[in-house]
Amino acid sequence: MLDNCVSTATAKIFPVTHGDNIMSVRQSVNLPRLIEIIEKRKQKFMDRLLQLDHFTVVLKVYSANVFL
């Protein structure tokens, strides 16, 4: 839904109407789809979380209890 708002704003700023043209403009100005931004941030968060020593210990204990 929010991605549609970004696409609509892009279509108004750059006078394009077709969906493929809107996506081309968004790629040109480096404005990816919001789901891609969210996935990238989530992956970065998880990577940093897994680098913490105490989190890996908690994760091991949790997984041991889940798979009993």
N, C-alpha and C. Protein backbone atom coordinates (compact mmCIF):
# COMPACT_ATOMS: atom_id res chain seq x y z
N MET A 1 0.82 -1.18 0.00
CA MET A 1 0.00 0.00 0.00
C MET A 1 0.87 1.26 0.00
N LEU A 2 1.87 1.27 0.88
CA LEU A 2 2.77 2.42 0.93
C LEU A 2 3.60 2.51 -0.34
N ASP A 3 3.90 1.35 -0.92
CA ASP A 3 4.66 1.33 -2.17
C ASP A 3 3.85 1.98 -3.29
N ASN A 4 2.54 1.82 -3.26
CA ASN A 4 1.68 2.46 -4.26
C ASN A 4 1.72 3.98 -4.14
N CYS A 5 1.82 4.47 -2.90
CA CYS A 5 1.94 5.92 -2.69
C CYS A 5 3.24 6.45 -3.28
N VAL A 6 4.31 5.69 -3.11
CA VAL A 6 5.60 6.09 -3.67
C VAL A 6 5.53 6.07 -5.19
N SER A 7 4.90 5.06 -5.75
CA SER A 7 4.76 4.97 -7.20
C SER A 7 3.89 6.11 -7.74
N THR A 8 2.83 6.44 -7.03
CA THR A 8 1.98 7.55 -7.45
C THR A 8 2.72 8.87 -7.42
N ALA A 9 3.50 9.08 -6.37
CA ALA A 9 4.29 10.30 -6.28
C ALA A 9 5.34 10.35 -7.38
N THR A 10 5.95 9.22 -7.67
CA THR A 10 6.93 9.15 -8.76
C THR A 10 6.27 9.47 -10.09
N ALA A 11 5.08 8.95 -10.30
CA ALA A 11 4.35 9.21 -11.55
C ALA A 11 3.97 10.67 -11.68
N LYS A 12 3.71 11.34 -10.57
CA LYS A 12 3.36 12.76 -10.64
C LYS A 12 4.59 13.64 -10.84
N ILE A 13 5.70 13.27 -10.19
CA ILE A 13 6.92 14.06 -10.33
C ILE A 13 7.48 13.92 -11.74
N PHE A 14 7.57 12.67 -12.20
CA PHE A 14 8.03 12.39 -13.57
C PHE A 14 6.78 11.98 -14.35
N PRO A 15 6.37 12.76 -15.32
CA PRO A 15 5.08 12.49 -15.98
C PRO A 15 5.06 11.18 -16.76
N VAL A 16 4.89 10.08 -16.04
CA VAL A 16 4.75 8.76 -16.66
C VAL A 16 3.46 8.14 -16.13
N THR A 17 2.90 7.24 -16.92
CA THR A 17 1.63 6.65 -16.51
C THR A 17 1.67 5.13 -16.45
N HIS A 18 2.47 4.49 -17.24
CA HIS A 18 2.50 3.03 -17.30
C HIS A 18 3.36 2.47 -16.17
N GLY A 19 2.97 1.35 -15.60
CA GLY A 19 3.67 0.75 -14.46
C GLY A 19 5.13 0.42 -14.74
N ASP A 20 5.41 -0.06 -15.96
CA ASP A 20 6.80 -0.37 -16.31
C ASP A 20 7.65 0.90 -16.36
N ASN A 21 7.06 1.97 -16.86
CA ASN A 21 7.80 3.24 -16.92
C ASN A 21 8.05 3.79 -15.53
N ILE A 22 7.09 3.64 -14.65
CA ILE A 22 7.27 4.10 -13.27
C ILE A 22 8.40 3.32 -12.61
N MET A 23 8.44 2.01 -12.80
CA MET A 23 9.50 1.20 -12.22
C MET A 23 10.86 1.54 -12.82
N SER A 24 10.89 1.87 -14.10
CA SER A 24 12.14 2.29 -14.74
C SER A 24 12.66 3.59 -14.14
N VAL A 25 11.76 4.53 -13.91
CA VAL A 25 12.15 5.80 -13.29
C VAL A 25 12.63 5.56 -11.87
N ARG A 26 11.94 4.71 -11.13
CA ARG A 26 12.35 4.42 -9.76
C ARG A 26 13.73 3.76 -9.72
N GLN A 27 14.01 2.90 -10.67
CA GLN A 27 15.34 2.30 -10.74
C GLN A 27 16.39 3.33 -11.11
N SER A 28 16.04 4.25 -11.98
CA SER A 28 16.99 5.28 -12.42
C SER A 28 17.37 6.23 -11.29
N VAL A 29 16.42 6.54 -10.42
CA VAL A 29 16.70 7.45 -9.31
C VAL A 29 17.03 6.69 -8.01
N ASN A 30 17.26 5.40 -8.15
CA ASN A 30 17.64 4.54 -7.03
C ASN A 30 16.59 4.57 -5.92
N LEU A 31 15.36 4.30 -6.28
CA LEU A 31 14.26 4.23 -5.33
C LEU A 31 13.61 2.85 -5.46
N PRO A 32 14.20 1.84 -4.79
CA PRO A 32 13.68 0.47 -4.95
C PRO A 32 12.33 0.29 -4.28
N ARG A 33 11.73 -0.85 -4.56
CA ARG A 33 10.45 -1.17 -3.92
C ARG A 33 10.67 -1.27 -2.41
N LEU A 34 9.67 -0.92 -1.65
CA LEU A 34 9.81 -0.89 -0.19
C LEU A 34 10.06 -2.27 0.40
N ILE A 35 9.52 -3.30 -0.21
CA ILE A 35 9.75 -4.65 0.30
C ILE A 35 11.22 -5.01 0.21
N GLU A 36 11.92 -4.52 -0.81
CA GLU A 36 13.35 -4.77 -0.94
C GLU A 36 14.13 -4.04 0.15
N ILE A 37 13.72 -2.82 0.45
CA ILE A 37 14.38 -2.05 1.51
C ILE A 37 14.17 -2.73 2.86
N ILE A 38 12.95 -3.19 3.11
CA ILE A 38 12.64 -3.85 4.38
C ILE A 38 13.43 -5.14 4.53
N GLU A 39 13.49 -5.93 3.47
CA GLU A 39 14.24 -7.18 3.52
C GLU A 39 15.73 -6.93 3.76
N LYS A 40 16.27 -5.90 3.12
CA LYS A 40 17.68 -5.57 3.30
C LYS A 40 17.97 -5.16 4.75
N ARG A 41 17.10 -4.35 5.31
CA ARG A 41 17.28 -3.90 6.70
C ARG A 41 17.11 -5.05 7.68
N LYS A 42 16.14 -5.93 7.40
CA LYS A 42 15.93 -7.07 8.28
C LYS A 42 17.15 -8.00 8.26
N GLN A 43 17.70 -8.22 7.07
CA GLN A 43 18.88 -9.07 6.95
C GLN A 43 20.07 -8.46 7.67
N LYS A 44 20.24 -7.15 7.53
CA LYS A 44 21.34 -6.45 8.21
C LYS A 44 21.18 -6.55 9.73
N PHE A 45 19.94 -6.39 10.22
CA PHE A 45 19.66 -6.51 11.65
C PHE A 45 20.00 -7.91 12.15
N MET A 46 19.56 -8.93 11.43
CA MET A 46 19.82 -10.30 11.86
C MET A 46 21.31 -10.63 11.81
N ASP A 47 22.01 -10.14 10.80
CA ASP A 47 23.45 -10.38 10.71
C ASP A 47 24.18 -9.78 11.90
N ARG A 48 23.81 -8.56 12.26
CA ARG A 48 24.44 -7.91 13.42
C ARG A 48 24.06 -8.62 14.71
N LEU A 49 22.83 -9.08 14.80
CA LEU A 49 22.38 -9.77 16.00
C LEU A 49 23.13 -11.08 16.18
N LEU A 50 23.36 -11.79 15.10
CA LEU A 50 24.06 -13.07 15.18
C LEU A 50 25.54 -12.89 15.50
N GLN A 51 26.08 -11.71 15.31
CA GLN A 51 27.48 -11.46 15.65
C GLN A 51 27.67 -11.29 17.15
N LEU A 52 26.62 -11.02 17.89
CA LEU A 52 26.72 -10.85 19.33
C LEU A 52 26.88 -12.22 20.00
N ASP A 53 27.85 -12.34 20.89
CA ASP A 53 28.13 -13.63 21.53
C ASP A 53 26.98 -14.10 22.41
N HIS A 54 26.42 -13.20 23.21
CA HIS A 54 25.36 -13.63 24.12
C HIS A 54 24.09 -14.02 23.39
N PHE A 55 23.84 -13.45 22.22
CA PHE A 55 22.65 -13.84 21.48
C PHE A 55 22.78 -15.25 20.93
N THR A 56 23.97 -15.63 20.47
CA THR A 56 24.15 -16.99 19.95
C THR A 56 23.96 -18.03 21.04
N VAL A 57 24.37 -17.70 22.27
CA VAL A 57 24.15 -18.62 23.40
C VAL A 57 22.66 -18.77 23.66
N VAL A 58 21.95 -17.66 23.70
CA VAL A 58 20.49 -17.70 23.92
C VAL A 58 19.81 -18.48 22.80
N LEU A 59 20.25 -18.26 21.58
CA LEU A 59 19.66 -18.96 20.44
C LEU A 59 19.89 -20.47 20.53
N LYS A 60 21.06 -20.88 20.96
CA LYS A 60 21.35 -22.31 21.11
C LYS A 60 20.48 -22.94 22.18
N VAL A 61 20.32 -22.26 23.32
CA VAL A 61 19.49 -22.77 24.40
C VAL A 61 18.04 -22.85 23.94
N TYR A 62 17.57 -21.81 23.25
CA TYR A 62 16.20 -21.80 22.77
C TYR A 62 15.95 -22.93 21.78
N SER A 63 16.86 -23.11 20.83
CA SER A 63 16.68 -24.17 19.84
C SER A 63 16.75 -25.55 20.48
N ALA A 64 17.57 -25.71 21.52
CA ALA A 64 17.63 -26.99 22.23
C ALA A 64 16.32 -27.27 22.93
N ASN A 65 15.68 -26.25 23.48
CA ASN A 65 14.40 -26.45 24.17
C ASN A 65 13.24 -26.66 23.19
N VAL A 66 13.31 -26.05 22.05
CA VAL A 66 12.24 -26.18 21.06
C VAL A 66 12.21 -27.58 20.47
N PHE A 67 13.38 -28.16 20.21
CA PHE A 67 13.45 -29.45 19.53
C PHE A 67 13.65 -30.61 20.49
N LEU A 68 13.08 -30.53 21.68
CA LEU A 68 13.16 -31.65 22.63
C LEU A 68 12.22 -32.75 22.27
